Amino acid sequence: MGGENHMKKFVVRLKVKELMKAQIDKDIATDKDLADMMNINVSQVWRVKLPITDERHSSPGNQFIAGVIEVFEGNFDDFFYIEEVEDVKKKKKSVPALT
């Protein structure tokens, strides 16, 4: 463990297939219907469902996670998993403070 500046961080990921199966099982026809039930914007639903390689992808936020667990009466592990990622936002170039 030398002086590398590799920051590890943990992110929550959606199990997209599990969510889609649950939507079908509950007869939730559209992402808009799901978003309304979760009290979030529909764009949040589709952004979370996008592949993580898509630059428009969003990690699920608290409201999304709570909404899924509430709507589908599931556990966190049913719909989400934790992934360890390299923190790509390496330290910003430090700007010396103006004194």
N, C-alpha and C. Protein backbone atom coordinates (compact mmCIF):
# COMPACT_ATOMS: atom_id res chain seq x y z
N MET A 1 0.85 -1.20 0.00
CA MET A 1 0.00 0.00 0.00
C MET A 1 0.88 1.24 0.00
N GLY A 2 1.25 1.68 -1.19
CA GLY A 2 2.12 2.83 -1.31
C GLY A 2 1.33 4.12 -1.29
N GLY A 3 1.82 5.09 -2.01
CA GLY A 3 1.17 6.39 -1.98
C GLY A 3 0.16 6.58 -3.08
N GLU A 4 -0.41 5.46 -3.59
CA GLU A 4 -1.41 5.67 -4.66
C GLU A 4 -2.58 6.46 -4.10
N ASN A 5 -3.16 7.20 -4.98
CA ASN A 5 -4.30 8.01 -4.55
C ASN A 5 -5.58 7.43 -5.12
N HIS A 6 -5.72 6.09 -5.01
CA HIS A 6 -6.93 5.47 -5.54
C HIS A 6 -7.99 5.48 -4.47
N MET A 7 -9.01 6.28 -4.71
CA MET A 7 -10.12 6.32 -3.77
C MET A 7 -11.12 5.26 -4.20
N LYS A 8 -11.49 4.41 -3.26
CA LYS A 8 -12.55 3.45 -3.52
C LYS A 8 -13.84 4.09 -3.04
N LYS A 9 -14.90 3.84 -3.76
CA LYS A 9 -16.18 4.26 -3.22
C LYS A 9 -17.20 3.19 -3.54
N PHE A 10 -18.27 3.20 -2.80
CA PHE A 10 -19.30 2.19 -2.96
C PHE A 10 -20.54 2.87 -3.51
N VAL A 11 -21.14 2.24 -4.52
CA VAL A 11 -22.35 2.79 -5.10
C VAL A 11 -23.44 1.73 -5.09
N VAL A 12 -24.67 2.21 -4.99
CA VAL A 12 -25.83 1.33 -5.05
C VAL A 12 -26.21 1.16 -6.51
N ARG A 13 -26.43 -0.07 -6.91
CA ARG A 13 -26.87 -0.36 -8.27
C ARG A 13 -28.24 -1.05 -8.23
N LEU A 14 -29.04 -0.78 -9.23
CA LEU A 14 -30.35 -1.40 -9.36
C LEU A 14 -30.22 -2.73 -10.10
N LYS A 15 -30.91 -3.75 -9.62
CA LYS A 15 -31.05 -5.00 -10.39
C LYS A 15 -32.22 -4.77 -11.34
N VAL A 16 -31.89 -4.27 -12.53
CA VAL A 16 -32.93 -3.80 -13.46
C VAL A 16 -33.92 -4.91 -13.80
N LYS A 17 -33.42 -6.12 -14.08
CA LYS A 17 -34.32 -7.23 -14.45
C LYS A 17 -35.29 -7.55 -13.33
N GLU A 18 -34.81 -7.50 -12.09
CA GLU A 18 -35.68 -7.79 -10.94
C GLU A 18 -36.79 -6.75 -10.83
N LEU A 19 -36.43 -5.49 -11.03
CA LEU A 19 -37.43 -4.43 -10.96
C LEU A 19 -38.46 -4.61 -12.08
N MET A 20 -38.00 -4.94 -13.28
CA MET A 20 -38.93 -5.09 -14.40
C MET A 20 -39.87 -6.27 -14.17
N LYS A 21 -39.34 -7.36 -13.62
CA LYS A 21 -40.20 -8.51 -13.30
C LYS A 21 -41.25 -8.12 -12.28
N ALA A 22 -40.81 -7.39 -11.25
CA ALA A 22 -41.74 -6.98 -10.19
C ALA A 22 -42.82 -6.04 -10.74
N GLN A 23 -42.44 -5.16 -11.66
CA GLN A 23 -43.42 -4.26 -12.28
C GLN A 23 -44.48 -5.07 -13.02
N ILE A 24 -44.04 -6.10 -13.74
CA ILE A 24 -44.98 -6.93 -14.49
C ILE A 24 -45.89 -7.69 -13.52
N ASP A 25 -45.29 -8.27 -12.47
CA ASP A 25 -46.06 -9.02 -11.48
C ASP A 25 -47.13 -8.15 -10.83
N LYS A 26 -46.82 -6.87 -10.63
CA LYS A 26 -47.76 -5.96 -9.97
C LYS A 26 -48.63 -5.21 -10.97
N ASP A 27 -48.54 -5.59 -12.25
CA ASP A 27 -49.32 -4.90 -13.30
C ASP A 27 -49.09 -3.40 -13.32
N ILE A 28 -47.85 -2.99 -13.14
CA ILE A 28 -47.51 -1.57 -13.27
C ILE A 28 -47.04 -1.41 -14.72
N ALA A 29 -47.92 -0.83 -15.52
CA ALA A 29 -47.74 -0.88 -16.98
C ALA A 29 -46.58 -0.04 -17.48
N THR A 30 -46.37 1.11 -16.88
CA THR A 30 -45.36 2.02 -17.42
C THR A 30 -44.45 2.54 -16.30
N ASP A 31 -43.30 3.04 -16.70
CA ASP A 31 -42.40 3.68 -15.75
C ASP A 31 -43.05 4.91 -15.14
N LYS A 32 -43.92 5.56 -15.91
CA LYS A 32 -44.64 6.74 -15.39
C LYS A 32 -45.53 6.32 -14.22
N ASP A 33 -46.24 5.19 -14.38
CA ASP A 33 -47.07 4.70 -13.27
C ASP A 33 -46.21 4.38 -12.05
N LEU A 34 -45.08 3.74 -12.30
CA LEU A 34 -44.18 3.39 -11.20
C LEU A 34 -43.67 4.67 -10.52
N ALA A 35 -43.25 5.63 -11.31
CA ALA A 35 -42.73 6.89 -10.76
C ALA A 35 -43.79 7.57 -9.89
N ASP A 36 -45.04 7.57 -10.37
CA ASP A 36 -46.13 8.19 -9.60
C ASP A 36 -46.31 7.48 -8.27
N MET A 37 -46.25 6.15 -8.28
CA MET A 37 -46.41 5.38 -7.04
C MET A 37 -45.26 5.65 -6.07
N MET A 38 -44.07 5.92 -6.62
CA MET A 38 -42.89 6.16 -5.80
C MET A 38 -42.71 7.64 -5.48
N ASN A 39 -43.58 8.48 -6.06
CA ASN A 39 -43.54 9.92 -5.83
C ASN A 39 -42.21 10.53 -6.29
N ILE A 40 -41.74 10.07 -7.45
CA ILE A 40 -40.54 10.64 -8.06
C ILE A 40 -40.83 10.95 -9.52
N ASN A 41 -39.90 11.62 -10.17
CA ASN A 41 -40.06 11.97 -11.57
C ASN A 41 -39.76 10.76 -12.44
N VAL A 42 -40.51 10.59 -13.52
CA VAL A 42 -40.31 9.43 -14.39
C VAL A 42 -38.90 9.40 -14.97
N SER A 43 -38.29 10.56 -15.17
CA SER A 43 -36.93 10.56 -15.72
C SER A 43 -35.95 9.89 -14.76
N GLN A 44 -36.23 9.98 -13.46
CA GLN A 44 -35.37 9.29 -12.49
C GLN A 44 -35.43 7.79 -12.69
N VAL A 45 -36.63 7.28 -13.00
CA VAL A 45 -36.78 5.84 -13.21
C VAL A 45 -35.98 5.40 -14.42
N TRP A 46 -36.14 6.09 -15.54
CA TRP A 46 -35.43 5.61 -16.73
C TRP A 46 -33.93 5.83 -16.63
N ARG A 47 -33.49 6.87 -15.93
CA ARG A 47 -32.05 7.09 -15.77
C ARG A 47 -31.40 5.98 -14.94
N VAL A 48 -32.10 5.53 -13.91
CA VAL A 48 -31.57 4.46 -13.08
C VAL A 48 -31.55 3.14 -13.84
N LYS A 49 -32.54 2.95 -14.73
CA LYS A 49 -32.62 1.71 -15.50
C LYS A 49 -31.61 1.64 -16.65
N LEU A 50 -31.05 2.77 -17.04
CA LEU A 50 -30.09 2.78 -18.14
C LEU A 50 -28.85 1.97 -17.77
N PRO A 51 -28.16 1.42 -18.77
CA PRO A 51 -26.90 0.72 -18.48
C PRO A 51 -25.90 1.69 -17.84
N ILE A 52 -25.09 1.18 -16.93
CA ILE A 52 -24.17 2.08 -16.22
C ILE A 52 -23.14 2.69 -17.15
N THR A 53 -22.98 2.12 -18.34
CA THR A 53 -22.06 2.69 -19.32
C THR A 53 -22.64 3.91 -20.02
N ASP A 54 -23.95 4.11 -19.91
CA ASP A 54 -24.61 5.26 -20.54
C ASP A 54 -24.34 6.49 -19.69
N GLU A 55 -23.88 7.56 -20.34
CA GLU A 55 -23.52 8.76 -19.57
C GLU A 55 -24.73 9.39 -18.87
N ARG A 56 -25.93 9.06 -19.32
CA ARG A 56 -27.13 9.62 -18.68
C ARG A 56 -27.57 8.80 -17.47
N HIS A 57 -26.91 7.67 -17.22
CA HIS A 57 -27.26 6.80 -16.10
C HIS A 57 -27.15 7.55 -14.77
N SER A 58 -28.08 7.27 -13.86
CA SER A 58 -28.00 7.79 -12.50
C SER A 58 -28.01 6.62 -11.53
N SER A 59 -27.27 6.77 -10.45
CA SER A 59 -27.39 5.79 -9.37
C SER A 59 -28.69 6.08 -8.64
N PRO A 60 -29.34 5.03 -8.10
CA PRO A 60 -30.60 5.26 -7.39
C PRO A 60 -30.37 6.08 -6.12
N GLY A 61 -31.19 7.09 -5.94
CA GLY A 61 -31.12 7.91 -4.73
C GLY A 61 -32.01 7.34 -3.63
N ASN A 62 -31.99 8.01 -2.49
CA ASN A 62 -32.76 7.54 -1.33
C ASN A 62 -34.24 7.37 -1.64
N GLN A 63 -34.81 8.37 -2.33
CA GLN A 63 -36.24 8.34 -2.62
C GLN A 63 -36.58 7.17 -3.54
N PHE A 64 -35.68 6.91 -4.50
CA PHE A 64 -35.90 5.80 -5.42
C PHE A 64 -35.84 4.47 -4.67
N ILE A 65 -34.80 4.31 -3.86
CA ILE A 65 -34.62 3.05 -3.11
C ILE A 65 -35.80 2.83 -2.17
N ALA A 66 -36.14 3.85 -1.41
CA ALA A 66 -37.27 3.74 -0.47
C ALA A 66 -38.56 3.44 -1.22
N GLY A 67 -38.75 4.09 -2.37
CA GLY A 67 -39.95 3.90 -3.17
C GLY A 67 -40.09 2.47 -3.67
N VAL A 68 -38.99 1.91 -4.18
CA VAL A 68 -39.03 0.53 -4.68
C VAL A 68 -39.36 -0.44 -3.55
N ILE A 69 -38.70 -0.26 -2.41
CA ILE A 69 -38.92 -1.17 -1.27
C ILE A 69 -40.36 -1.05 -0.78
N GLU A 70 -40.88 0.17 -0.77
CA GLU A 70 -42.26 0.41 -0.31
C GLU A 70 -43.28 -0.16 -1.29
N VAL A 71 -43.13 0.17 -2.57
CA VAL A 71 -44.11 -0.25 -3.58
C VAL A 71 -44.14 -1.77 -3.73
N PHE A 72 -42.97 -2.39 -3.72
CA PHE A 72 -42.91 -3.83 -3.97
C PHE A 72 -42.79 -4.66 -2.70
N GLU A 73 -42.79 -3.98 -1.55
CA GLU A 73 -42.71 -4.65 -0.25
C GLU A 73 -41.59 -5.67 -0.23
N GLY A 74 -40.45 -5.27 -0.77
CA GLY A 74 -39.30 -6.16 -0.83
C GLY A 74 -38.21 -5.71 0.12
N ASN A 75 -37.10 -6.41 0.05
CA ASN A 75 -35.92 -6.03 0.82
C ASN A 75 -34.92 -5.36 -0.12
N PHE A 76 -34.01 -4.63 0.47
CA PHE A 76 -32.98 -3.94 -0.31
C PHE A 76 -32.31 -4.91 -1.29
N ASP A 77 -31.93 -6.08 -0.77
CA ASP A 77 -31.18 -7.05 -1.58
C ASP A 77 -31.99 -7.64 -2.73
N ASP A 78 -33.31 -7.53 -2.67
CA ASP A 78 -34.14 -8.04 -3.76
C ASP A 78 -33.94 -7.21 -5.03
N PHE A 79 -33.67 -5.94 -4.87
CA PHE A 79 -33.67 -5.01 -6.01
C PHE A 79 -32.35 -4.28 -6.23
N PHE A 80 -31.46 -4.31 -5.23
CA PHE A 80 -30.25 -3.51 -5.30
C PHE A 80 -29.04 -4.32 -4.87
N TYR A 81 -27.88 -3.88 -5.32
CA TYR A 81 -26.63 -4.44 -4.83
C TYR A 81 -25.62 -3.30 -4.72
N ILE A 82 -24.57 -3.55 -3.97
CA ILE A 82 -23.53 -2.55 -3.75
C ILE A 82 -22.34 -2.92 -4.63
N GLU A 83 -21.81 -1.95 -5.33
CA GLU A 83 -20.63 -2.19 -6.14
C GLU A 83 -19.53 -1.24 -5.70
N GLU A 84 -18.32 -1.79 -5.61
CA GLU A 84 -17.17 -0.97 -5.27
C GLU A 84 -16.58 -0.47 -6.58
N VAL A 85 -16.37 0.81 -6.68
CA VAL A 85 -15.84 1.39 -7.91
C VAL A 85 -14.64 2.27 -7.61
N GLU A 86 -13.80 2.41 -8.60
CA GLU A 86 -12.73 3.40 -8.50
C GLU A 86 -13.40 4.76 -8.56
N ASP A 87 -12.98 5.65 -7.73
CA ASP A 87 -13.52 7.00 -7.80
C ASP A 87 -12.87 7.72 -8.96
N VAL A 88 -13.61 7.84 -10.05
CA VAL A 88 -13.04 8.44 -11.25
C VAL A 88 -12.87 9.94 -11.11
N LYS A 89 -13.63 10.54 -10.22
CA LYS A 89 -13.46 11.98 -10.01
C LYS A 89 -12.23 12.17 -9.14
N LYS A 90 -11.08 11.93 -9.71
CA LYS A 90 -9.83 12.07 -8.95
C LYS A 90 -9.82 13.46 -8.34
N LYS A 91 -8.96 13.61 -7.37
CA LYS A 91 -8.91 14.91 -6.69
C LYS A 91 -8.79 16.02 -7.72
N LYS A 92 -9.64 17.02 -7.55
CA LYS A 92 -9.54 18.16 -8.46
C LYS A 92 -8.21 18.85 -8.20
N LYS A 93 -7.69 19.48 -9.23
CA LYS A 93 -6.44 20.20 -9.04
C LYS A 93 -6.68 21.22 -7.91
N SER A 94 -5.83 21.15 -6.93
CA SER A 94 -6.08 22.07 -5.82
C SER A 94 -5.65 23.47 -6.23
N VAL A 95 -6.55 24.39 -5.97
CA VAL A 95 -6.28 25.78 -6.30
C VAL A 95 -5.79 26.43 -5.00
N PRO A 96 -4.61 27.03 -5.04
CA PRO A 96 -4.11 27.65 -3.80
C PRO A 96 -5.08 28.75 -3.33
N ALA A 97 -5.27 28.78 -2.05
CA ALA A 97 -6.19 29.79 -1.49
C ALA A 97 -5.59 31.17 -1.68
N LEU A 98 -6.43 32.10 -2.03
CA LEU A 98 -5.96 33.48 -2.19
C LEU A 98 -5.94 34.11 -0.80
N THR A 99 -4.79 34.61 -0.43
CA THR A 99 -4.72 35.22 0.92
C THR A 99 -4.37 36.67 0.81
